[in-house]
C-alpha atoms as a PDB file:
ATOM      1  CA  MET A   1     -92.723 -81.539   1.170  1.00  0.00           C
ATOM      2  CA  LYS A   2     -90.723 -84.531   0.475  1.00  0.00           C
ATOM      3  CA  ILE A   3     -92.261 -88.012   0.434  1.00  0.00           C
ATOM      4  CA  ARG A   4     -91.100 -89.550   3.710  1.00  0.00           C
ATOM      5  CA  LYS A   5     -93.892 -91.977   4.573  1.00  0.00           C
ATOM      6  CA  ALA A   6     -95.281 -95.042   2.760  1.00  0.00           C
ATOM      7  CA  VAL A   7     -98.572 -96.837   3.517  1.00  0.00           C
ATOM      8  CA  LEU A   8     -98.693-100.568   2.877  1.00  0.00           C
ATOM      9  CA  PRO A   9    -102.187-102.118   3.114  1.00  0.00           C
ATOM     10  CA  ALA A  10    -101.818-105.691   4.294  1.00  0.00           C
ATOM     11  CA  ALA A  11    -105.117-106.573   5.881  1.00  0.00           C
ATOM     12  CA  GLY A  12    -106.704-108.678   3.188  1.00  0.00           C
ATOM     13  CA  LEU A  13    -107.540-112.371   3.797  1.00  0.00           C
ATOM     14  CA  GLY A  14    -105.753-113.703   0.774  1.00  0.00           C
ATOM     15  CA  THR A  15    -108.478-116.081  -0.192  1.00  0.00           C
ATOM     16  CA  ARG A  16    -107.075-116.686  -3.671  1.00  0.00           C
ATOM     17  CA  PHE A  17    -104.120-118.632  -1.954  1.00  0.00           C
ATOM     18  CA  LEU A  18    -106.159-120.903   0.205  1.00  0.00           C
ATOM     19  CA  PRO A  19    -105.205-123.171   1.936  1.00  0.00           C
ATOM     20  CA  ALA A  20    -101.708-121.754   2.126  1.00  0.00           C
ATOM     21  CA  THR A  21    -103.140-118.644   3.613  1.00  0.00           C
ATOM     22  CA  LYS A  22    -105.458-120.176   6.238  1.00  0.00           C
ATOM     23  CA  ALA A  23    -102.861-119.737   8.908  1.00  0.00           C
ATOM     24  CA  GLN A  24    -100.419-117.237   7.438  1.00  0.00           C
ATOM     25  CA  PRO A  25    -100.780-113.770   5.838  1.00  0.00           C
ATOM     26  CA  LYS A  26    -100.542-113.740   1.976  1.00  0.00           C
ATOM     27  CA  GLU A  27     -97.958-111.003   2.253  1.00  0.00           C
ATOM     28  CA  MET A  28     -95.705-113.510   4.087  1.00  0.00           C
ATOM     29  CA  LEU A  29     -95.712-116.092   1.131  1.00  0.00           C
ATOM     30  CA  PRO A  30     -91.969-116.498   0.204  1.00  0.00           C
ATOM     31  CA  LEU A  31     -90.810-115.428  -3.216  1.00  0.00           C
ATOM     32  CA  VAL A  32     -87.735-117.688  -3.454  1.00  0.00           C
ATOM     33  CA  ASP A  33     -86.495-117.054   0.121  1.00  0.00           C
ATOM     34  CA  LYS A  34     -88.031-113.656   1.042  1.00  0.00           C
ATOM     35  CA  PRO A  35     -91.741-112.888   1.872  1.00  0.00           C
ATOM     36  CA  LEU A  36     -93.550-110.686  -0.624  1.00  0.00           C
ATOM     37  CA  ILE A  37     -94.015-107.808   1.900  1.00  0.00           C
ATOM     38  CA  GLN A  38     -90.217-107.532   2.349  1.00  0.00           C
ATOM     39  CA  TYR A  39     -89.630-106.839  -1.395  1.00  0.00           C
ATOM     40  CA  VAL A  40     -92.131-104.021  -1.243  1.00  0.00           C
ATOM     41  CA  VAL A  41     -90.666-102.510   1.969  1.00  0.00           C
ATOM     42  CA  GLU A  42     -87.166-102.715   0.405  1.00  0.00           C
ATOM     43  CA  GLU A  43     -88.491-100.812  -2.722  1.00  0.00           C
ATOM     44  CA  ALA A  44     -89.753 -98.069  -0.366  1.00  0.00           C
ATOM     45  CA  VAL A  45     -86.491 -97.823   1.483  1.00  0.00           C
ATOM     46  CA  GLU A  46     -84.454 -97.696  -1.824  1.00  0.00           C
ATOM     47  CA  ALA A  47     -86.712 -94.786  -2.893  1.00  0.00           C
ATOM     48  CA  GLY A  48     -85.734 -92.854   0.278  1.00  0.00           C
ATOM     49  CA  ILE A  49     -88.763 -93.561   2.351  1.00  0.00           C
ATOM     50  CA  GLN A  50     -88.114 -93.193   6.098  1.00  0.00           C
ATOM     51  CA  ASP A  51     -91.288 -94.413   7.739  1.00  0.00           C
ATOM     52  CA  VAL A  52     -93.437 -97.381   6.538  1.00  0.00           C
ATOM     53  CA  ILE A  53     -97.053 -97.613   7.876  1.00  0.00           C
ATOM     54  CA  LEU A  54     -98.304-101.215   7.591  1.00  0.00           C
ATOM     55  CA  VAL A  55    -101.999-101.476   7.748  1.00  0.00           C
ATOM     56  CA  THR A  56    -102.711-104.987   9.091  1.00  0.00           C
ATOM     57  CA  GLY A  57    -105.734-106.861  10.432  1.00  0.00           C
ATOM     58  CA  ARG A  58    -106.655-109.965  12.482  1.00  0.00           C
ATOM     59  CA  GLY A  59    -104.204-112.883  11.957  1.00  0.00           C
ATOM     60  CA  LYS A  60    -101.408-110.746  10.545  1.00  0.00           C
ATOM     61  CA  SER A  61     -98.960-110.908  13.601  1.00  0.00           C
ATOM     62  CA  ALA A  62     -96.415-112.768  11.516  1.00  0.00           C
ATOM     63  CA  ILE A  63     -95.863-109.518   9.535  1.00  0.00           C
ATOM     64  CA  GLU A  64     -95.026-107.614  12.664  1.00  0.00           C
ATOM     65  CA  ASP A  65     -92.848-110.320  13.899  1.00  0.00           C
ATOM     66  CA  HIS A  66     -90.896-110.446  10.674  1.00  0.00           C
ATOM     67  CA  PHE A  67     -89.829-106.878  10.922  1.00  0.00           C
ATOM     68  CA  ASP A  68     -89.152-106.928  14.711  1.00  0.00           C
ATOM     69  CA  VAL A  69     -85.991-108.008  16.495  1.00  0.00           C
ATOM     70  CA  SER A  70     -85.798-111.742  17.101  1.00  0.00           C
ATOM     71  CA  PHE A  71     -83.452-112.000  20.061  1.00  0.00           C
ATOM     72  CA  GLU A  72     -83.673-115.769  20.433  1.00  0.00           C
ATOM     73  CA  LEU A  73     -82.997-116.399  16.735  1.00  0.00           C
ATOM     74  CA  GLU A  74     -80.193-113.854  16.728  1.00  0.00           C
ATOM     75  CA  ARG A  75     -78.594-115.472  19.703  1.00  0.00           C
ATOM     76  CA  PHE A  76     -78.997-119.094  18.240  1.00  0.00           C
ATOM     77  CA  LEU A  77     -77.250-117.910  15.057  1.00  0.00           C
ATOM     78  CA  GLU A  78     -74.533-116.130  16.916  1.00  0.00           C
ATOM     79  CA  GLU A  79     -73.763-119.205  19.091  1.00  0.00           C
ATOM     80  CA  LYS A  80     -73.734-121.537  15.930  1.00  0.00           C
ATOM     81  CA  GLY A  81     -71.308-119.137  14.227  1.00  0.00           C
ATOM     82  CA  LYS A  82     -73.891-118.593  11.312  1.00  0.00           C
ATOM     83  CA  LYS A  83     -72.590-115.008  10.536  1.00  0.00           C
ATOM     84  CA  GLU A  84     -74.023-114.750   7.155  1.00  0.00           C
ATOM     85  CA  GLU A  85     -77.576-115.811   8.370  1.00  0.00           C
ATOM     86  CA  LEU A  86     -77.199-113.537  11.414  1.00  0.00           C
ATOM     87  CA  ALA A  87     -76.493-110.471   9.200  1.00  0.00           C
ATOM     88  CA  ILE A  88     -79.551-111.159   7.036  1.00  0.00           C
ATOM     89  CA  VAL A  89     -81.868-111.351  10.129  1.00  0.00           C
ATOM     90  CA  LYS A  90     -80.420-108.295  11.723  1.00  0.00           C
ATOM     91  CA  ALA A  91     -80.830-106.358   8.431  1.00  0.00           C
ATOM     92  CA  ILE A  92     -84.581-107.003   8.313  1.00  0.00           C
ATOM     93  CA  SER A  93     -85.236-105.381  11.726  1.00  0.00           C
ATOM     94  CA  ASP A  94     -82.875-102.423  10.769  1.00  0.00           C
ATOM     95  CA  LEU A  95     -84.520-101.756   7.303  1.00  0.00           C
ATOM     96  CA  VAL A  96     -86.740 -98.747   8.218  1.00  0.00           C
ATOM     97  CA  ASN A  97     -88.975 -97.313  10.979  1.00  0.00           C
ATOM     98  CA  VAL A  98     -92.189 -99.357  10.874  1.00  0.00           C
ATOM     99  CA  ALA A  99     -95.517 -98.523  12.435  1.00  0.00           C
ATOM    100  CA  TYR A 100     -98.748-100.558  12.529  1.00  0.00           C
ATOM    101  CA  VAL A 101    -102.341 -99.611  12.429  1.00  0.00           C
ATOM    102  CA  ARG A 102    -105.318-102.030  12.320  1.00  0.00           C
ATOM    103  CA  GLN A 103    -108.030-102.095   9.659  1.00  0.00           C
ATOM    104  CA  LYS A 104    -110.757-103.736  11.716  1.00  0.00           C
ATOM    105  CA  GLU A 105    -113.093-104.535   8.825  1.00  0.00           C
ATOM    106  CA  ALA A 106    -112.151-105.526   5.175  1.00  0.00           C
ATOM    107  CA  LEU A 107    -113.777-102.473   3.576  1.00  0.00           C
ATOM    108  CA  GLY A 108    -111.606-102.010   0.555  1.00  0.00           C
ATOM    109  CA  LEU A 109    -108.388-100.226  -0.433  1.00  0.00           C
ATOM    110  CA  GLY A 110    -109.756 -96.698   0.082  1.00  0.00           C
ATOM    111  CA  HIS A 111    -110.624 -97.639   3.687  1.00  0.00           C
ATOM    112  CA  ALA A 112    -107.307 -99.260   4.238  1.00  0.00           C
ATOM    113  CA  VAL A 113    -105.559 -96.023   3.217  1.00  0.00           C
ATOM    114  CA  ALA A 114    -107.803 -93.879   5.353  1.00  0.00           C
ATOM    115  CA  VAL A 115    -107.178 -95.787   8.597  1.00  0.00           C
ATOM    116  CA  ALA A 116    -103.549 -94.639   8.313  1.00  0.00           C
ATOM    117  CA  GLU A 117    -104.496 -90.857   8.312  1.00  0.00           C
ATOM    118  CA  SER A 118    -103.405 -90.219  11.840  1.00  0.00           C
ATOM    119  CA  LEU A 119     -99.932 -91.659  11.220  1.00  0.00           C
ATOM    120  CA  VAL A 120     -99.609 -89.957   7.744  1.00  0.00           C
ATOM    121  CA  GLY A 121    -100.487 -86.606   9.098  1.00  0.00           C
ATOM    122  CA  ASP A 122    -100.632 -83.440   6.789  1.00  0.00           C
ATOM    123  CA  GLU A 123     -98.057 -84.407   4.212  1.00  0.00           C
ATOM    124  CA  PRO A 124     -97.863 -86.315   0.869  1.00  0.00           C
ATOM    125  CA  PHE A 125     -97.288 -89.994   1.067  1.00  0.00           C
ATOM    126  CA  ALA A 126     -96.724 -93.109  -1.025  1.00  0.00           C
ATOM    127  CA  VAL A 127     -98.979 -96.170  -1.100  1.00  0.00           C
ATOM    128  CA  LEU A 128     -97.596 -99.541  -2.213  1.00  0.00           C
ATOM    129  CA  LEU A 129     -99.628-102.745  -2.547  1.00  0.00           C
ATOM    130  CA  GLY A 130     -97.951-105.805  -1.245  1.00  0.00           C
ATOM    131  CA  ASP A 131     -98.954-108.147  -4.040  1.00  0.00           C
ATOM    132  CA  ASP A 132     -97.612-105.990  -6.845  1.00  0.00           C
ATOM    133  CA  LEU A 133     -93.863-106.335  -7.416  1.00  0.00           C
ATOM    134  CA  VAL A 134     -92.047-104.170 -10.065  1.00  0.00           C
ATOM    135  CA  LYS A 135     -88.626-105.210 -11.260  1.00  0.00           C
ATOM    136  CA  SER A 136     -86.702-101.942 -12.429  1.00  0.00           C
ATOM    137  CA  ASP A 137     -83.327-100.357 -12.271  1.00  0.00           C
ATOM    138  CA  VAL A 138     -84.844 -97.411 -10.605  1.00  0.00           C
ATOM    139  CA  PRO A 139     -87.412 -98.378  -8.054  1.00  0.00           C
ATOM    140  CA  CYS A 140     -90.940 -97.765  -9.264  1.00  0.00           C
ATOM    141  CA  ILE A 141     -91.928 -95.560  -6.357  1.00  0.00           C
ATOM    142  CA  ARG A 142     -88.711 -93.634  -6.688  1.00  0.00           C
ATOM    143  CA  GLN A 143     -89.630 -92.924 -10.493  1.00  0.00           C
ATOM    144  CA  MET A 144     -93.056 -91.730  -9.129  1.00  0.00           C
ATOM    145  CA  ILE A 145     -91.634 -89.426  -6.454  1.00  0.00           C
ATOM    146  CA  GLU A 146     -89.527 -87.788  -9.067  1.00  0.00           C
ATOM    147  CA  VAL A 147     -92.671 -87.068 -11.063  1.00  0.00           C
ATOM    148  CA  TYR A 148     -94.497 -85.802  -7.965  1.00  0.00           C
ATOM    149  CA  ASP A 149     -91.527 -83.418  -7.391  1.00  0.00           C
ATOM    150  CA  ARG A 150     -92.279 -81.911 -10.832  1.00  0.00           C
ATOM    151  CA  VAL A 151     -96.135 -81.889 -10.885  1.00  0.00           C
ATOM    152  CA  ARG A 152     -96.910 -81.438  -7.171  1.00  0.00           C
ATOM    153  CA  ALA A 153    -100.128 -83.520  -7.528  1.00  0.00           C
ATOM    154  CA  PRO A 154    -101.097 -87.152  -6.911  1.00  0.00           C
ATOM    155  CA  VAL A 155     -99.484 -89.650  -9.198  1.00  0.00           C
ATOM    156  CA  LEU A 156    -100.789 -93.162 -10.047  1.00  0.00           C
ATOM    157  CA  ALA A 157     -98.651 -95.992 -11.589  1.00  0.00           C
ATOM    158  CA  VAL A 158    -100.330 -97.194 -14.753  1.00  0.00           C
ATOM    159  CA  MET A 159     -99.675 -99.711 -17.430  1.00  0.00           C
ATOM    160  CA  ARG A 160    -101.373-100.839 -20.660  1.00  0.00           C
ATOM    161  CA  VAL A 161    -103.331-104.001 -20.309  1.00  0.00           C
ATOM    162  CA  PRO A 162    -105.103-106.241 -22.773  1.00  0.00           C
ATOM    163  CA  SER A 163    -108.790-105.427 -23.209  1.00  0.00           C
ATOM    164  CA  ASP A 164    -109.922-108.826 -21.856  1.00  0.00           C
ATOM    165  CA  GLU A 165    -108.071-108.095 -18.524  1.00  0.00           C
ATOM    166  CA  ILE A 166    -109.317-104.461 -18.189  1.00  0.00           C
ATOM    167  CA  SER A 167    -112.197-105.336 -15.905  1.00  0.00           C
ATOM    168  CA  SER A 168    -109.832-106.451 -13.055  1.00  0.00           C
ATOM    169  CA  TYR A 169    -108.461-102.870 -12.704  1.00  0.00           C
ATOM    170  CA  GLY A 170    -109.091 -99.230 -12.046  1.00  0.00           C
ATOM    171  CA  VAL A 171    -108.853 -97.470 -15.364  1.00  0.00           C
ATOM    172  CA  ILE A 172    -108.059 -93.886 -16.346  1.00  0.00           C
ATOM    173  CA  ALA A 173    -109.161 -91.591 -19.133  1.00  0.00           C
ATOM    174  CA  ALA A 174    -106.367 -89.200 -19.746  1.00  0.00           C
ATOM    175  CA  GLU A 175    -104.947 -86.456 -22.008  1.00  0.00           C
ATOM    176  CA  SER A 176    -101.313 -85.560 -22.726  1.00  0.00           C
ATOM    177  CA  ALA A 177     -99.570 -83.872 -19.788  1.00  0.00           C
ATOM    178  CA  PRO A 178     -97.574 -80.632 -20.458  1.00  0.00           C
ATOM    179  CA  GLY A 179     -93.820 -81.002 -20.769  1.00  0.00           C
ATOM    180  CA  GLY A 180     -93.619 -83.523 -23.535  1.00  0.00           C
ATOM    181  CA  ASP A 181     -93.177 -86.666 -21.341  1.00  0.00           C
ATOM    182  CA  LYS A 182     -95.040 -89.252 -23.312  1.00  0.00           C
ATOM    183  CA  ARG A 183     -95.174 -91.571 -20.206  1.00  0.00           C
ATOM    184  CA  LEU A 184     -97.095 -88.902 -18.206  1.00  0.00           C
ATOM    185  CA  HIS A 185    -100.805 -88.511 -18.546  1.00  0.00           C
ATOM    186  CA  ARG A 186    -103.246 -85.992 -16.976  1.00  0.00           C
ATOM    187  CA  VAL A 187    -106.177 -87.860 -15.661  1.00  0.00           C
ATOM    188  CA  THR A 188    -109.645 -86.674 -16.744  1.00  0.00           C
ATOM    189  CA  ARG A 189    -111.667 -89.567 -15.375  1.00  0.00           C
ATOM    190  CA  LEU A 190    -111.383 -92.870 -13.376  1.00  0.00           C
ATOM    191  CA  VAL A 191    -113.440 -95.971 -13.495  1.00  0.00           C
ATOM    192  CA  GLU A 192    -113.278 -98.921 -11.102  1.00  0.00           C
ATOM    193  CA  LYS A 193    -113.217-102.347 -12.832  1.00  0.00           C
ATOM    194  CA  PRO A 194    -115.179-101.272 -16.053  1.00  0.00           C
ATOM    195  CA  GLN A 195    -116.408-103.843 -18.555  1.00  0.00           C
ATOM    196  CA  LYS A 196    -114.405-104.070 -21.645  1.00  0.00           C
ATOM    197  CA  ALA A 197    -116.929-102.088 -23.720  1.00  0.00           C
ATOM    198  CA  ASP A 198    -117.022 -99.372 -21.099  1.00  0.00           C
ATOM    199  CA  ALA A 199    -113.253 -98.889 -20.423  1.00  0.00           C
ATOM    200  CA  PRO A 200    -112.161 -95.361 -21.116  1.00  0.00           C
ATOM    201  CA  SER A 201    -108.637 -96.470 -22.192  1.00  0.00           C
ATOM    202  CA  ASP A 202    -106.223 -99.453 -21.822  1.00  0.00           C
ATOM    203  CA  LEU A 203    -104.283 -97.601 -19.097  1.00  0.00           C
ATOM    204  CA  ALA A 204    -104.817 -99.574 -15.902  1.00  0.00           C
ATOM    205  CA  ILE A 205    -103.852 -98.536 -12.360  1.00  0.00           C
ATOM    206  CA  ILE A 206    -101.325-100.891 -10.544  1.00  0.00           C
ATOM    207  CA  GLY A 207    -100.429-100.909  -6.842  1.00  0.00           C
ATOM    208  CA  ARG A 208     -98.278 -97.795  -6.594  1.00  0.00           C
ATOM    209  CA  TYR A 209     -99.529 -94.286  -5.627  1.00  0.00           C
ATOM    210  CA  ILE A 210     -98.259 -90.967  -4.564  1.00  0.00           C
ATOM    211  CA  LEU A 211    -101.106 -89.253  -2.801  1.00  0.00           C
ATOM    212  CA  THR A 212    -101.737 -85.997  -0.917  1.00  0.00           C
ATOM    213  CA  PRO A 213    -103.636 -85.672   2.390  1.00  0.00           C
ATOM    214  CA  ALA A 214    -106.614 -84.234   0.523  1.00  0.00           C
ATOM    215  CA  ILE A 215    -107.528 -87.824  -0.448  1.00  0.00           C
ATOM    216  CA  PHE A 216    -108.670 -88.663   3.220  1.00  0.00           C
ATOM    217  CA  ASN A 217    -111.656 -86.132   2.934  1.00  0.00           C
ATOM    218  CA  HIS A 218    -112.668 -87.772  -0.359  1.00  0.00           C
ATOM    219  CA  VAL A 219    -112.514 -91.224   1.044  1.00  0.00           C
ATOM    220  CA  ARG A 220    -114.783 -90.293   3.845  1.00  0.00           C
ATOM    221  CA  ALA A 221    -117.233 -88.980   1.309  1.00  0.00           C
ATOM    222  CA  THR A 222    -117.061 -92.054  -0.973  1.00  0.00           C
ATOM    223  CA  GLU A 223    -119.930 -94.450  -0.836  1.00  0.00           C
ATOM    224  CA  ARG A 224    -119.550 -98.183  -0.562  1.00  0.00           C
ATOM    225  CA  ASP A 225    -119.648-100.151  -3.790  1.00  0.00           C
ATOM    226  CA  PRO A 226    -122.141-103.122  -4.309  1.00  0.00           C
ATOM    227  CA  ARG A 227    -119.569-105.335  -2.522  1.00  0.00           C
ATOM    228  CA  GLY A 228    -119.620-103.010   0.515  1.00  0.00           C
ATOM    229  CA  GLU A 229    -116.140-101.692  -0.167  1.00  0.00           C
ATOM    230  CA  ILE A 230    -114.872 -98.173  -0.236  1.00  0.00           C
ATOM    231  CA  GLN A 231    -112.756 -97.970  -3.532  1.00  0.00           C
ATOM    232  CA  LEU A 232    -109.649 -95.786  -3.664  1.00  0.00           C
ATOM    233  CA  THR A 233    -110.491 -95.231  -7.402  1.00  0.00           C
ATOM    234  CA  ASN A 234    -113.773 -93.784  -6.713  1.00  0.00           C
ATOM    235  CA  ALA A 235    -112.203 -91.345  -4.056  1.00  0.00           C
ATOM    236  CA  LEU A 236    -109.544 -90.317  -6.596  1.00  0.00           C
ATOM    237  CA  GLN A 237    -112.377 -89.468  -9.102  1.00  0.00           C
ATOM    238  CA  SER A 238    -113.900 -87.260  -6.560  1.00  0.00           C
ATOM    239  CA  LEU A 239    -110.438 -85.733  -5.887  1.00  0.00           C
ATOM    240  CA  LEU A 240    -110.362 -84.548  -9.509  1.00  0.00           C
ATOM    241  CA  SER A 241    -112.827 -81.853  -8.516  1.00  0.00           C
ATOM    242  CA  GLU A 242    -110.164 -79.951  -6.605  1.00  0.00           C
ATOM    243  CA  SER A 243    -106.746 -81.343  -7.772  1.00  0.00           C
ATOM    244  CA  GLU A 244    -105.038 -82.525 -10.899  1.00  0.00           C
ATOM    245  CA  VAL A 245    -104.048 -86.132 -10.844  1.00  0.00           C
ATOM    246  CA  TYR A 246    -101.537 -87.839 -13.022  1.00  0.00           C
ATOM    247  CA  GLY A 247    -101.020 -91.378 -14.453  1.00  0.00           C
ATOM    248  CA  PHE A 248     -97.429 -92.410 -15.080  1.00  0.00           C
ATOM    249  CA  GLU A 249     -96.253 -95.280 -17.194  1.00  0.00           C
ATOM    250  CA  PHE A 250     -93.275 -96.422 -15.174  1.00  0.00           C
ATOM    251  CA  GLU A 251     -90.228 -98.170 -16.402  1.00  0.00           C
ATOM    252  CA  GLY A 252     -89.970-101.904 -15.329  1.00  0.00           C
ATOM    253  CA  VAL A 253     -91.808-105.182 -15.315  1.00  0.00           C
ATOM    254  CA  ARG A 254     -94.771-105.629 -13.002  1.00  0.00           C
ATOM    255  CA  HIS A 255     -95.586-109.007 -11.471  1.00  0.00           C
ATOM    256  CA  ASP A 256     -99.130-109.470 -10.033  1.00  0.00           C
ATOM    257  CA  CYS A 257     -98.459-111.644  -7.174  1.00  0.00           C
ATOM    258  CA  GLY A 258    -102.119-111.440  -6.057  1.00  0.00           C
ATOM    259  CA  ASN A 259    -102.913-114.525  -8.180  1.00  0.00           C
ATOM    260  CA  LYS A 260    -101.221-117.966  -8.466  1.00  0.00           C
ATOM    261  CA  LEU A 261    -100.035-117.753 -11.996  1.00  0.00           C
ATOM    262  CA  GLY A 262     -98.527-114.270 -11.384  1.00  0.00           C
ATOM    263  CA  PHE A 263     -96.914-115.462  -8.230  1.00  0.00           C
ATOM    264  CA  LEU A 264     -95.405-118.524  -9.990  1.00  0.00           C
ATOM    265  CA  MET A 265     -94.151-116.423 -12.906  1.00  0.00           C
ATOM    266  CA  ALA A 266     -92.492-113.979 -10.427  1.00  0.00           C
ATOM    267  CA  THR A 267     -90.805-116.747  -8.561  1.00  0.00           C
ATOM    268  CA  VAL A 268     -89.229-118.045 -11.780  1.00  0.00           C
ATOM    269  CA  GLU A 269     -88.079-114.539 -12.816  1.00  0.00           C
ATOM    270  CA  TYR A 270     -86.632-113.609  -9.294  1.00  0.00           C
ATOM    271  CA  ALA A 271     -84.974-116.987  -9.046  1.00  0.00           C
ATOM    272  CA  LEU A 272     -83.258-116.694 -12.436  1.00  0.00           C
ATOM    273  CA  ASP A 273     -81.862-113.200 -11.345  1.00  0.00           C
ATOM    274  CA  ARG A 274     -80.256-114.691  -8.243  1.00  0.00           C
ATOM    275  CA  PRO A 275     -76.493-115.084  -8.576  1.00  0.00           C
ATOM    276  CA  ASP A 276     -76.531-118.135  -6.225  1.00  0.00           C
ATOM    277  CA  LEU A 277     -79.512-119.775  -7.862  1.00  0.00           C
ATOM    278  CA  GLY A 278     -79.741-118.413 -11.451  1.00  0.00           C
ATOM    279  CA  GLY A 279     -77.210-120.735 -13.106  1.00  0.00           C
ATOM    280  CA  PRO A 280     -78.423-124.018 -11.671  1.00  0.00           C
ATOM    281  CA  PHE A 281     -82.078-123.209 -11.932  1.00  0.00           C
ATOM    282  CA  ARG A 282     -81.695-122.241 -15.606  1.00  0.00           C
ATOM    283  CA  ARG A 283     -80.010-125.493 -16.264  1.00  0.00           C
ATOM    284  CA  TYR A 284     -82.716-127.379 -14.497  1.00  0.00           C
ATOM    285  CA  LEU A 285     -85.491-125.507 -16.525  1.00  0.00           C
ATOM    286  CA  ARG A 286     -83.783-126.727 -19.715  1.00  0.00           C
ATOM    287  CA  THR A 287     -84.187-130.319 -18.698  1.00  0.00           C
ATOM    288  CA  ILE A 288     -88.043-130.002 -18.334  1.00  0.00           C
ATOM    289  CA  SER A 289     -89.984-131.577 -21.163  1.00  0.00           C
ATOM    290  CA  LEU A 290     -93.324-129.781 -21.665  1.00  0.00           C
ATOM    291  CA  GLY A 291     -94.491-132.079 -24.584  1.00  0.00           C
ATOM    292  CA  ASP A 292     -96.475-134.601 -22.533  1.00  0.00           C
ATOM    293  CA  ARG A 293     -98.070-131.831 -20.482  1.00  0.00           C
ATOM    294  CA  GLU A 294    -101.420-130.456 -21.564  1.00  0.00           C
ATOM    295  CA  GLU A 295    -101.898-126.592 -21.723  1.00  0.00           C
END
């Protein structure tokens, strides 16, 4: 079956960005002039996804409003003759079919994926995390769908990270996959947020997955971790008992927008790539003197 659906977990509280996220979802923080969640939805659309399932929670109505039709705003822009802005607004609500499901408790990524089960149904699906952005010529999830079409098994986006950062990720142990693709690894074990000395490799999982519906049974059987959360990494470890799982080193640059420094770095990179802003912004950056600023 083709990958037609994508699940986007967006129920987290975004505490790393307080106070900005006290009254607005983290996923709606603007990167230049577009909210984070829209970049991720656009990646899914460019990869051929037809249906996006947004897993939301309390206080996330701004996300639903963003992808809905805004009659009042459209009428205002039309009356003012703001044709360019009107086209931008209309394009957002026409992007893709969007459905919403509530995660009533913040019980981890595994649980967030599981609450979308009834909307996913009995077919393979993509998972994209809203605070991970990947700049690439071919959308990251499109690359992974192409791998899935070859291996017909779950595919995890992985990247090599420094040892002092490894404890922030789910990490895979892997062996070479058949076929000679050096970027593709057959997973033999998964560990959630290991200490540096216990990490099975430097291949860390980032926020892109292609999963099969078999994952739902394994999430249900996964116990909560010491923080009370159901980790998707642990459910994937259980899935290895019945299915192959692959790690794929994607082509592109990943920006971790789940922390302030990563968000700032992504803002600079995306602004520099904008035809309307890149030139003036680049000239401005050249005027900044860092000599009198402490590291």
